[in-house]
N, C-alpha and C. Protein backbone atom coordinates (compact mmCIF):
# COMPACT_ATOMS: atom_id res chain seq x y z
N UNK A 1 87.02 94.11 91.84
CA UNK A 1 87.06 95.52 91.49
C UNK A 1 88.38 95.84 90.82
N UNK A 2 88.31 96.61 89.79
CA UNK A 2 89.50 97.05 89.06
C UNK A 2 90.12 98.23 89.78
N UNK A 3 91.39 98.11 90.17
CA UNK A 3 92.03 99.22 90.89
C UNK A 3 93.29 99.71 90.20
N UNK A 4 93.36 99.52 88.90
CA UNK A 4 94.56 99.96 88.19
C UNK A 4 94.71 101.48 88.21
N UNK A 5 93.62 102.21 88.28
CA UNK A 5 93.66 103.67 88.34
C UNK A 5 93.43 104.19 89.75
N UNK A 6 93.70 103.38 90.72
CA UNK A 6 93.42 103.71 92.11
C UNK A 6 94.02 105.03 92.54
N UNK A 7 95.25 105.29 92.20
CA UNK A 7 95.92 106.48 92.70
C UNK A 7 95.43 107.77 92.06
N UNK A 8 94.62 107.65 91.02
CA UNK A 8 94.04 108.83 90.38
C UNK A 8 92.69 109.21 90.98
N UNK A 9 92.16 108.35 91.85
CA UNK A 9 90.85 108.57 92.46
C UNK A 9 90.95 109.53 93.63
N UNK A 10 89.80 110.01 94.07
CA UNK A 10 89.70 110.83 95.27
C UNK A 10 90.32 110.08 96.45
N UNK A 11 91.03 110.81 97.30
CA UNK A 11 91.74 110.20 98.42
C UNK A 11 90.87 109.41 99.36
N UNK A 12 89.66 109.87 99.63
CA UNK A 12 88.78 109.14 100.55
C UNK A 12 88.30 107.83 99.96
N UNK A 13 88.12 107.81 98.66
CA UNK A 13 87.76 106.56 97.99
C UNK A 13 88.94 105.59 98.03
N UNK A 14 90.14 106.12 97.79
CA UNK A 14 91.35 105.29 97.87
C UNK A 14 91.48 104.67 99.25
N UNK A 15 91.29 105.47 100.29
CA UNK A 15 91.37 104.96 101.66
C UNK A 15 90.41 103.80 101.87
N UNK A 16 89.18 103.96 101.45
CA UNK A 16 88.18 102.91 101.62
C UNK A 16 88.54 101.64 100.87
N UNK A 17 88.96 101.79 99.63
CA UNK A 17 89.31 100.62 98.81
C UNK A 17 90.54 99.91 99.38
N UNK A 18 91.57 100.68 99.69
CA UNK A 18 92.81 100.08 100.19
C UNK A 18 92.55 99.35 101.51
N UNK A 19 91.85 99.98 102.44
CA UNK A 19 91.59 99.31 103.71
C UNK A 19 90.70 98.09 103.55
N UNK A 20 89.77 98.13 102.60
CA UNK A 20 88.94 96.95 102.34
C UNK A 20 89.79 95.80 101.80
N UNK A 21 90.67 96.12 100.84
CA UNK A 21 91.53 95.08 100.28
C UNK A 21 92.47 94.51 101.35
N UNK A 22 92.99 95.39 102.21
CA UNK A 22 93.87 94.92 103.28
C UNK A 22 93.10 94.03 104.26
N UNK A 23 91.87 94.39 104.55
CA UNK A 23 91.07 93.63 105.50
C UNK A 23 90.64 92.28 104.94
N UNK A 24 90.26 92.24 103.67
CA UNK A 24 89.64 91.03 103.11
C UNK A 24 90.56 90.14 102.29
N UNK A 25 91.61 90.73 101.67
CA UNK A 25 92.38 89.94 100.71
C UNK A 25 93.87 89.86 100.99
N UNK A 26 94.44 90.88 101.61
CA UNK A 26 95.90 90.97 101.71
C UNK A 26 96.35 90.93 103.15
N UNK A 27 97.44 90.23 103.38
CA UNK A 27 97.95 90.09 104.74
C UNK A 27 98.89 91.22 105.16
N UNK A 28 99.31 92.05 104.19
CA UNK A 28 100.21 93.16 104.50
C UNK A 28 100.18 94.17 103.35
N UNK A 29 100.77 95.33 103.58
CA UNK A 29 100.86 96.33 102.52
C UNK A 29 101.72 95.82 101.37
N UNK A 30 102.75 95.05 101.68
CA UNK A 30 103.59 94.47 100.62
C UNK A 30 102.79 93.52 99.74
N UNK A 31 101.93 92.74 100.35
CA UNK A 31 101.05 91.84 99.61
C UNK A 31 100.12 92.64 98.70
N UNK A 32 99.56 93.73 99.21
CA UNK A 32 98.65 94.57 98.43
C UNK A 32 99.34 95.17 97.21
N UNK A 33 100.48 95.81 97.41
CA UNK A 33 101.15 96.46 96.28
C UNK A 33 101.64 95.43 95.26
N UNK A 34 102.03 94.27 95.72
CA UNK A 34 102.47 93.22 94.81
C UNK A 34 101.29 92.64 94.02
N UNK A 35 100.22 92.34 94.70
CA UNK A 35 99.06 91.73 94.07
C UNK A 35 98.42 92.64 93.03
N UNK A 36 98.36 93.93 93.32
CA UNK A 36 97.69 94.87 92.42
C UNK A 36 98.67 95.73 91.62
N UNK A 37 99.94 95.37 91.67
CA UNK A 37 100.99 96.05 90.91
C UNK A 37 100.94 97.57 91.11
N UNK A 38 100.88 97.97 92.38
CA UNK A 38 100.87 99.39 92.75
C UNK A 38 102.27 99.82 93.13
N UNK A 39 102.54 101.09 93.01
CA UNK A 39 103.81 101.64 93.46
C UNK A 39 103.65 102.02 94.93
N UNK A 40 104.42 101.37 95.79
CA UNK A 40 104.29 101.60 97.23
C UNK A 40 104.49 103.07 97.58
N UNK A 41 105.52 103.69 97.03
CA UNK A 41 105.81 105.08 97.38
C UNK A 41 104.68 106.02 96.96
N UNK A 42 104.11 105.81 95.79
CA UNK A 42 102.99 106.64 95.33
C UNK A 42 101.78 106.47 96.24
N UNK A 43 101.47 105.22 96.57
CA UNK A 43 100.34 104.94 97.46
C UNK A 43 100.57 105.58 98.82
N UNK A 44 101.74 105.37 99.37
CA UNK A 44 102.05 105.89 100.69
C UNK A 44 102.04 107.42 100.70
N UNK A 45 102.58 108.04 99.66
CA UNK A 45 102.57 109.51 99.56
C UNK A 45 101.15 110.05 99.51
N UNK A 46 100.30 109.38 98.74
CA UNK A 46 98.90 109.83 98.64
C UNK A 46 98.22 109.73 100.00
N UNK A 47 98.43 108.61 100.68
CA UNK A 47 97.77 108.42 101.97
C UNK A 47 98.32 109.39 103.02
N UNK A 48 99.62 109.62 103.01
CA UNK A 48 100.21 110.56 103.97
C UNK A 48 99.74 111.99 103.70
N UNK A 49 99.51 112.34 102.43
CA UNK A 49 99.03 113.69 102.11
C UNK A 49 97.62 113.91 102.67
N UNK A 50 96.90 112.82 102.92
CA UNK A 50 95.56 112.90 103.51
C UNK A 50 95.60 112.75 105.02
N UNK A 51 96.80 112.54 105.56
CA UNK A 51 96.94 112.41 107.01
C UNK A 51 96.85 110.99 107.53
N UNK A 52 96.98 109.99 106.66
CA UNK A 52 96.89 108.60 107.08
C UNK A 52 98.25 107.92 106.98
N UNK A 53 98.51 107.04 107.94
CA UNK A 53 99.74 106.24 107.94
C UNK A 53 99.36 104.78 108.07
N UNK A 54 100.15 103.93 107.44
CA UNK A 54 99.90 102.49 107.50
C UNK A 54 100.29 101.97 108.88
N UNK A 55 99.38 101.22 109.48
CA UNK A 55 99.63 100.58 110.77
C UNK A 55 99.73 99.07 110.53
N UNK A 56 100.95 98.52 110.63
CA UNK A 56 101.11 97.09 110.34
C UNK A 56 100.42 96.17 111.35
N UNK A 57 100.21 96.64 112.55
CA UNK A 57 99.55 95.81 113.56
C UNK A 57 98.10 95.56 113.20
N UNK A 58 97.40 96.60 112.80
CA UNK A 58 95.99 96.43 112.40
C UNK A 58 95.84 96.19 110.90
N UNK A 59 96.94 96.31 110.15
CA UNK A 59 96.97 96.12 108.71
C UNK A 59 95.97 97.04 108.01
N UNK A 60 96.06 98.32 108.35
CA UNK A 60 95.20 99.31 107.71
C UNK A 60 95.82 100.69 107.82
N UNK A 61 95.32 101.59 106.99
CA UNK A 61 95.71 102.98 107.10
C UNK A 61 94.80 103.64 108.11
N UNK A 62 95.42 104.40 109.02
CA UNK A 62 94.67 105.11 110.06
C UNK A 62 95.01 106.56 110.03
């Protein structure tokens, strides 16, 4: 799946895609942002604006 425009999508779609990528392909948030050339701060700001925070233990946004 192409996720270059990920941060422009609806927040709920972003949550689903990011958590799927974290679950299936990436071992950490650092791996995700590096692999898909995302800006960590932009991603984190978008997720926090929706009320989600990254949980490193479960490797997902909750």
